[in-house]
């Protein structure tokens, strides 16, 4: 079996995005509904995605996690469309990070703490980066002194475990952005695995449809 047969997406390391061979995508919006900043209701967000002809949008929690189907092959263009629509509709800019279900499966499979016992998933963050950072930048990031926090970077994902909790982490995200020269958005481990489960369900349902537009579903939210 070739890679293209086994994996529904193929990654382009130069652009940092994946050539879409399957129509289900996950979008992660950065910084929405944090305290009083960038407030948006999930029903309004789903309506925005539907207005962009993105099919069957589902949201998980209130942090801007949207699972949807699309025929769009140009993911750079899709990111720009969503970011522009968010700005026009809600009045603020939010970086949008896209991943396929296959990429999320790879993120979960690459968990560097998988053998760690008694790991608290609420203290375990995955930061999804907008683009693939330069290896020299990654090496510089690894040199940061952040104990007792632990950091691993693999591809476009940053795995961080904050043993003392997330209230006052030693790792500074602005510093991470300066070092890696790319933006990103973080989700805790529970959110990552739940979003993956929803994306896989959407992927399975799409495969069982004769045509994506043949089945009309009500947009839904999961809290």
Protein backbone atom coordinates (compact mmCIF):
# COMPACT_ATOMS: atom_id res chain seq x y z
CA UNK A 1 0.00 0.00 0.00
CA UNK A 2 1.40 3.39 -0.98
CA UNK A 3 1.42 6.43 1.29
CA UNK A 4 -1.26 8.11 -0.81
CA UNK A 5 -3.50 5.04 -0.36
CA UNK A 6 -2.87 4.72 3.36
CA UNK A 7 -3.07 8.39 4.33
CA UNK A 8 -5.93 10.61 3.17
CA UNK A 9 -3.63 13.63 3.15
CA UNK A 10 -0.12 14.39 1.94
CA UNK A 11 1.93 17.09 3.62
CA UNK A 12 3.84 19.86 1.88
CA UNK A 13 6.74 20.85 4.19
CA UNK A 14 7.40 24.07 2.30
CA UNK A 15 3.97 25.66 2.74
CA UNK A 16 3.14 23.99 6.06
CA UNK A 17 -0.28 22.90 4.81
CA UNK A 18 -1.60 19.58 3.61
CA UNK A 19 -2.96 18.81 0.19
CA UNK A 20 -6.56 17.87 0.88
CA UNK A 21 -7.66 14.51 -0.47
CA UNK A 22 -10.51 14.02 2.01
CA UNK A 23 -13.18 16.67 2.51
CA UNK A 24 -13.39 16.78 6.34
CA UNK A 25 -11.32 19.41 8.11
CA UNK A 26 -10.84 20.74 11.62
CA UNK A 27 -10.27 24.45 12.11
CA UNK A 28 -8.87 25.82 15.37
CA UNK A 29 -9.41 29.53 16.00
CA UNK A 30 -6.88 31.30 18.12
CA UNK A 31 -7.76 33.22 21.24
CA UNK A 32 -11.56 33.24 21.10
CA UNK A 33 -13.66 33.44 24.28
CA UNK A 34 -10.69 33.92 26.59
CA UNK A 35 -12.06 35.98 29.48
CA UNK A 36 -13.68 39.06 27.92
CA UNK A 37 -11.65 38.93 24.72
CA UNK A 38 -12.82 37.97 21.24
CA UNK A 39 -16.26 36.82 22.35
CA UNK A 40 -18.24 34.75 19.88
CA UNK A 41 -21.17 32.39 20.27
CA UNK A 42 -20.75 28.99 18.71
CA UNK A 43 -24.10 29.09 16.92
CA UNK A 44 -22.99 32.32 15.24
CA UNK A 45 -19.67 30.71 14.34
CA UNK A 46 -21.39 27.70 12.79
CA UNK A 47 -23.65 30.04 10.84
CA UNK A 48 -20.58 31.87 9.53
CA UNK A 49 -19.04 28.60 8.32
CA UNK A 50 -22.30 27.62 6.65
CA UNK A 51 -22.39 31.01 4.91
CA UNK A 52 -18.99 30.16 3.41
CA UNK A 53 -20.48 26.96 1.94
CA UNK A 54 -18.60 24.80 4.44
CA UNK A 55 -20.82 21.82 5.04
CA UNK A 56 -22.20 20.40 8.29
CA UNK A 57 -20.20 22.61 10.69
CA UNK A 58 -19.95 21.29 14.23
CA UNK A 59 -18.35 23.03 17.20
CA UNK A 60 -16.80 21.55 20.32
CA UNK A 61 -16.68 23.61 23.52
CA UNK A 62 -16.48 27.40 23.28
CA UNK A 63 -12.84 27.76 22.23
CA UNK A 64 -13.33 27.88 18.47
CA UNK A 65 -13.02 24.25 17.38
CA UNK A 66 -14.99 23.68 14.18
CA UNK A 67 -15.31 20.42 12.24
CA UNK A 68 -16.71 20.74 8.72
CA UNK A 69 -16.64 19.34 5.19
CA UNK A 70 -15.44 21.17 2.11
CA UNK A 71 -14.40 20.61 -1.49
CA UNK A 72 -11.84 23.41 -1.28
CA UNK A 73 -8.38 22.16 -2.24
CA UNK A 74 -6.45 25.39 -1.66
CA UNK A 75 -6.08 25.44 2.12
CA UNK A 76 -4.22 28.74 2.17
CA UNK A 77 -7.17 30.32 0.40
CA UNK A 78 -9.59 28.63 2.79
CA UNK A 79 -7.75 29.97 5.84
CA UNK A 80 -7.87 33.48 4.38
CA UNK A 81 -11.59 33.19 3.65
CA UNK A 82 -12.40 32.11 7.20
CA UNK A 83 -10.14 34.72 8.80
CA UNK A 84 -11.64 37.48 6.65
CA UNK A 85 -15.18 36.35 7.46
CA UNK A 86 -14.45 36.28 11.20
CA UNK A 87 -13.04 39.80 11.03
CA UNK A 88 -15.98 41.12 9.03
CA UNK A 89 -18.64 39.37 11.13
CA UNK A 90 -17.25 39.59 14.66
CA UNK A 91 -14.91 42.56 14.41
CA UNK A 92 -11.64 40.89 15.38
CA UNK A 93 -8.86 38.90 13.74
CA UNK A 94 -8.28 35.32 14.81
CA UNK A 95 -5.60 33.11 13.30
CA UNK A 96 -7.14 29.94 11.87
CA UNK A 97 -5.20 26.67 11.99
CA UNK A 98 -6.38 23.76 9.83
CA UNK A 99 -5.77 20.05 10.33
CA UNK A 100 -7.18 16.94 8.67
CA UNK A 101 -8.41 13.97 10.72
CA UNK A 102 -5.32 12.05 9.54
CA UNK A 103 -3.07 14.80 10.88
CA UNK A 104 -4.87 14.80 14.23
CA UNK A 105 -4.49 11.03 14.41
CA UNK A 106 -0.77 11.48 13.85
CA UNK A 107 -0.65 14.11 16.63
CA UNK A 108 -2.25 11.69 19.09
CA UNK A 109 -0.03 8.81 17.96
CA UNK A 110 3.09 10.94 18.46
CA UNK A 111 2.24 11.81 22.08
CA UNK A 112 5.66 11.98 23.79
CA UNK A 113 4.06 11.35 27.21
CA UNK A 114 2.14 8.23 26.22
CA UNK A 115 4.06 6.04 28.71
CA UNK A 116 3.73 8.55 31.53
CA UNK A 117 1.55 7.29 34.37
CA UNK A 118 -0.92 9.54 36.18
CA UNK A 119 -0.57 12.30 33.64
CA UNK A 120 -3.26 14.96 34.09
CA UNK A 121 -4.71 15.71 30.62
CA UNK A 122 -5.89 19.14 31.80
CA UNK A 123 -2.22 20.13 32.27
CA UNK A 124 -1.14 18.73 28.90
CA UNK A 125 -1.29 21.15 25.99
CA UNK A 126 -0.75 20.70 22.28
CA UNK A 127 -0.01 23.89 20.37
CA UNK A 128 -0.89 23.63 16.68
CA UNK A 129 1.46 25.79 14.63
CA UNK A 130 0.45 27.65 11.48
CA UNK A 131 3.58 26.58 9.61
CA UNK A 132 6.55 24.26 9.93
CA UNK A 133 9.29 26.01 11.92
CA UNK A 134 12.93 25.98 10.91
CA UNK A 135 14.97 23.21 12.62
CA UNK A 136 17.40 25.81 14.04
CA UNK A 137 14.48 27.62 15.65
CA UNK A 138 13.26 24.34 17.15
CA UNK A 139 16.70 23.68 18.62
CA UNK A 140 16.71 27.15 20.16
CA UNK A 141 13.29 26.54 21.70
CA UNK A 142 14.46 23.28 23.26
CA UNK A 143 17.23 25.17 25.05
CA UNK A 144 14.75 27.18 27.13
CA UNK A 145 14.83 26.55 30.87
CA UNK A 146 11.22 25.88 31.84
CA UNK A 147 11.43 23.10 34.47
CA UNK A 148 9.29 21.58 35.90
CA UNK A 149 7.42 22.09 32.63
CA UNK A 150 8.34 19.79 29.76
CA UNK A 151 8.40 20.63 26.07
CA UNK A 152 8.60 18.53 22.92
CA UNK A 153 8.26 19.82 19.37
CA UNK A 154 7.46 17.52 16.49
CA UNK A 155 6.66 18.93 13.06
CA UNK A 156 3.92 21.54 13.37
CA UNK A 157 2.96 20.59 16.92
CA UNK A 158 4.33 21.65 20.28
CA UNK A 159 3.62 19.32 23.22
CA UNK A 160 3.85 20.94 26.66
CA UNK A 161 3.17 19.42 30.06
CA UNK A 162 2.72 21.90 32.91
CA UNK A 163 3.09 19.86 36.09
CA UNK A 164 2.11 22.83 38.27
CA UNK A 165 -0.93 23.72 36.20
CA UNK A 166 -1.70 26.33 33.58
CA UNK A 167 -2.40 29.34 35.81
CA UNK A 168 1.16 30.68 35.72
CA UNK A 169 3.25 28.68 33.24
CA UNK A 170 6.95 29.41 32.93
CA UNK A 171 6.82 28.93 29.18
CA UNK A 172 5.90 32.25 27.56
CA UNK A 173 3.88 31.92 24.37
CA UNK A 174 5.05 35.31 22.99
CA UNK A 175 8.61 34.04 23.44
CA UNK A 176 7.73 30.80 21.64
CA UNK A 177 6.32 32.76 18.70
CA UNK A 178 9.42 34.94 18.50
CA UNK A 179 11.70 31.91 18.50
CA UNK A 180 9.70 29.75 16.08
CA UNK A 181 8.63 32.68 13.86
CA UNK A 182 5.13 31.31 13.45
CA UNK A 183 1.80 31.61 15.23
CA UNK A 184 -0.25 28.85 16.79
CA UNK A 185 -3.11 27.95 19.10
CA UNK A 186 -3.15 25.54 22.04
CA UNK A 187 -5.69 22.93 23.14
CA UNK A 188 -5.55 20.61 26.13
CA UNK A 189 -5.29 16.89 25.56
CA UNK A 190 -8.93 16.16 26.30
CA UNK A 191 -10.00 18.67 23.67
CA UNK A 192 -7.58 17.22 21.12
CA UNK A 193 -8.88 13.68 21.53
CA UNK A 194 -12.54 14.74 21.58
CA UNK A 195 -12.17 16.87 18.46
CA UNK A 196 -10.44 13.96 16.73
CA UNK A 197 -13.34 11.65 17.64
CA UNK A 198 -15.84 14.12 16.14
CA UNK A 199 -13.71 14.56 13.02
CA UNK A 200 -13.45 10.80 12.52
CA UNK A 201 -17.20 10.45 12.94
CA UNK A 202 -17.77 13.18 10.33
CA UNK A 203 -15.25 11.50 8.04
CA UNK A 204 -17.03 8.15 8.40
CA UNK A 205 -20.43 9.72 7.72
CA UNK A 206 -19.11 11.46 4.63
CA UNK A 207 -17.69 8.22 3.25
CA UNK A 208 -21.11 6.62 3.62
CA UNK A 209 -22.85 9.34 1.60
CA UNK A 210 -23.29 9.02 -2.15
CA UNK A 211 -22.57 12.74 -2.38
CA UNK A 212 -21.71 15.28 0.33
CA UNK A 213 -24.75 17.40 -0.51
CA UNK A 214 -27.12 14.44 -0.56
CA UNK A 215 -27.57 14.44 3.21
CA UNK A 216 -28.48 17.65 4.96
CA UNK A 217 -27.62 17.80 8.65
CA UNK A 218 -28.30 20.40 11.25
CA UNK A 219 -25.21 22.16 12.49
CA UNK A 220 -24.45 21.10 16.02
CA UNK A 221 -22.42 21.99 19.07
CA UNK A 222 -20.86 19.86 21.78
CA UNK A 223 -20.26 21.32 25.22
